Amino acid sequence: MMNQFNVPIMIAISRKSFSSRLFDLDKADDRLIPTLLFETLMTVFGGSLIRTHDVKETKMLIDAYEEIKSEL
């Protein structure tokens, strides 16, 4: 989807406040799951650079996605 521009697309969703409003979350620490969800979705849509506060968790999720994406 986003790769139609033929340039790297940066994803910068990490712990943004919109997920607090969307899911009624109080603390920034509670935003990890929505952050991972949206980062993965944007990766599926063609994002190739991820700016994140949660490097370990994001890498784990992207690695897991790469392992299973051919099955989807």
C-alpha atoms as a PDB file:
ATOM      1  CA  MET A   1       0.000   0.000   0.000  1.00  0.00           C
ATOM      2  CA  MET A   2       2.459   2.645   1.169  1.00  0.00           C
ATOM      3  CA  ASN A   3       5.303   1.226  -0.919  1.00  0.00           C
ATOM      4  CA  GLN A   4       3.788   2.761  -4.073  1.00  0.00           C
ATOM      5  CA  PHE A   5       5.946   5.821  -3.334  1.00  0.00           C
ATOM      6  CA  ASN A   6       9.209   3.841  -3.793  1.00  0.00           C
ATOM      7  CA  VAL A   7      10.800   5.446  -0.739  1.00  0.00           C
ATOM      8  CA  PRO A   8      11.359   4.078   2.783  1.00  0.00           C
ATOM      9  CA  ILE A   9       8.395   4.827   5.029  1.00  0.00           C
ATOM     10  CA  MET A  10       9.069   5.571   8.708  1.00  0.00           C
ATOM     11  CA  ILE A  11       6.619   4.417  11.346  1.00  0.00           C
ATOM     12  CA  ALA A  12       6.600   6.537  14.516  1.00  0.00           C
ATOM     13  CA  ILE A  13       3.630   5.354  16.549  1.00  0.00           C
ATOM     14  CA  SER A  14       5.422   4.415  19.770  1.00  0.00           C
ATOM     15  CA  ARG A  15       3.223   5.129  22.794  1.00  0.00           C
ATOM     16  CA  LYS A  16       1.310   7.959  21.120  1.00  0.00           C
ATOM     17  CA  SER A  17      -1.556   9.450  23.119  1.00  0.00           C
ATOM     18  CA  PHE A  18      -4.192   8.582  20.512  1.00  0.00           C
ATOM     19  CA  SER A  19      -4.059   4.986  21.746  1.00  0.00           C
ATOM     20  CA  SER A  20      -4.845   6.222  25.271  1.00  0.00           C
ATOM     21  CA  ARG A  21      -7.965   7.919  23.982  1.00  0.00           C
ATOM     22  CA  LEU A  22      -8.889   5.041  21.668  1.00  0.00           C
ATOM     23  CA  PHE A  23      -8.564   2.347  24.347  1.00  0.00           C
ATOM     24  CA  ASP A  24      -9.159   4.453  27.493  1.00  0.00           C
ATOM     25  CA  LEU A  25      -5.661   3.871  28.904  1.00  0.00           C
ATOM     26  CA  ASP A  26      -4.284   5.897  31.796  1.00  0.00           C
ATOM     27  CA  LYS A  27      -0.502   5.395  31.681  1.00  0.00           C
ATOM     28  CA  ALA A  28       2.103   5.397  28.914  1.00  0.00           C
ATOM     29  CA  ASP A  29       3.169   1.899  30.017  1.00  0.00           C
ATOM     30  CA  ASP A  30      -0.323   0.680  29.146  1.00  0.00           C
ATOM     31  CA  ARG A  31       0.206   1.718  25.515  1.00  0.00           C
ATOM     32  CA  LEU A  32       2.663  -1.091  24.645  1.00  0.00           C
ATOM     33  CA  ILE A  33       0.097  -3.499  23.159  1.00  0.00           C
ATOM     34  CA  PRO A  34      -1.630  -0.857  20.982  1.00  0.00           C
ATOM     35  CA  THR A  35       1.804   0.400  19.893  1.00  0.00           C
ATOM     36  CA  LEU A  36       2.874  -3.095  18.821  1.00  0.00           C
ATOM     37  CA  LEU A  37      -0.434  -3.635  17.059  1.00  0.00           C
ATOM     38  CA  PHE A  38      -0.191  -0.437  15.018  1.00  0.00           C
ATOM     39  CA  GLU A  39       3.539  -0.880  14.284  1.00  0.00           C
ATOM     40  CA  THR A  40       2.848  -4.351  12.914  1.00  0.00           C
ATOM     41  CA  LEU A  41      -0.077  -3.132  10.856  1.00  0.00           C
ATOM     42  CA  MET A  42       2.017  -0.346   9.338  1.00  0.00           C
ATOM     43  CA  THR A  43       4.795  -2.864   8.601  1.00  0.00           C
ATOM     44  CA  VAL A  44       2.270  -5.049   6.777  1.00  0.00           C
ATOM     45  CA  PHE A  45       1.203  -1.990   4.762  1.00  0.00           C
ATOM     46  CA  GLY A  46       4.780  -1.270   3.693  1.00  0.00           C
ATOM     47  CA  GLY A  47       6.471   0.684   6.462  1.00  0.00           C
ATOM     48  CA  SER A  48      10.160  -0.162   6.630  1.00  0.00           C
ATOM     49  CA  LEU A  49      11.681   2.014   9.377  1.00  0.00           C
ATOM     50  CA  ILE A  50      10.317   1.923  12.910  1.00  0.00           C
ATOM     51  CA  ARG A  51      11.032   4.576  15.526  1.00  0.00           C
ATOM     52  CA  THR A  52      10.130   3.023  18.856  1.00  0.00           C
ATOM     53  CA  HIS A  53      10.699   3.229  22.591  1.00  0.00           C
ATOM     54  CA  ASP A  54      10.226  -0.539  22.901  1.00  0.00           C
ATOM     55  CA  VAL A  55      13.008  -1.951  20.737  1.00  0.00           C
ATOM     56  CA  LYS A  56      13.102  -5.469  22.199  1.00  0.00           C
ATOM     57  CA  GLU A  57       9.337  -5.994  22.072  1.00  0.00           C
ATOM     58  CA  THR A  58       9.012  -4.484  18.593  1.00  0.00           C
ATOM     59  CA  LYS A  59      11.831  -6.663  17.238  1.00  0.00           C
ATOM     60  CA  MET A  60      10.238  -9.773  18.761  1.00  0.00           C
ATOM     61  CA  LEU A  61       6.908  -8.985  17.157  1.00  0.00           C
ATOM     62  CA  ILE A  62       8.374  -8.172  13.737  1.00  0.00           C
ATOM     63  CA  ASP A  63      10.492 -11.350  13.834  1.00  0.00           C
ATOM     64  CA  ALA A  64       7.381 -13.394  14.692  1.00  0.00           C
ATOM     65  CA  TYR A  65       5.452 -11.739  11.872  1.00  0.00           C
ATOM     66  CA  GLU A  66       8.260 -12.467   9.390  1.00  0.00           C
ATOM     67  CA  GLU A  67       8.165 -16.139  10.422  1.00  0.00           C
ATOM     68  CA  ILE A  68       4.431 -16.543   9.820  1.00  0.00           C
ATOM     69  CA  LYS A  69       3.623 -14.083   7.030  1.00  0.00           C
ATOM     70  CA  SER A  70       4.013 -16.646   4.262  1.00  0.00           C
ATOM     71  CA  GLU A  71       1.261 -18.680   5.956  1.00  0.00           C
ATOM     72  CA  LEU A  72      -1.199 -15.776   5.957  1.00  0.00           C
END
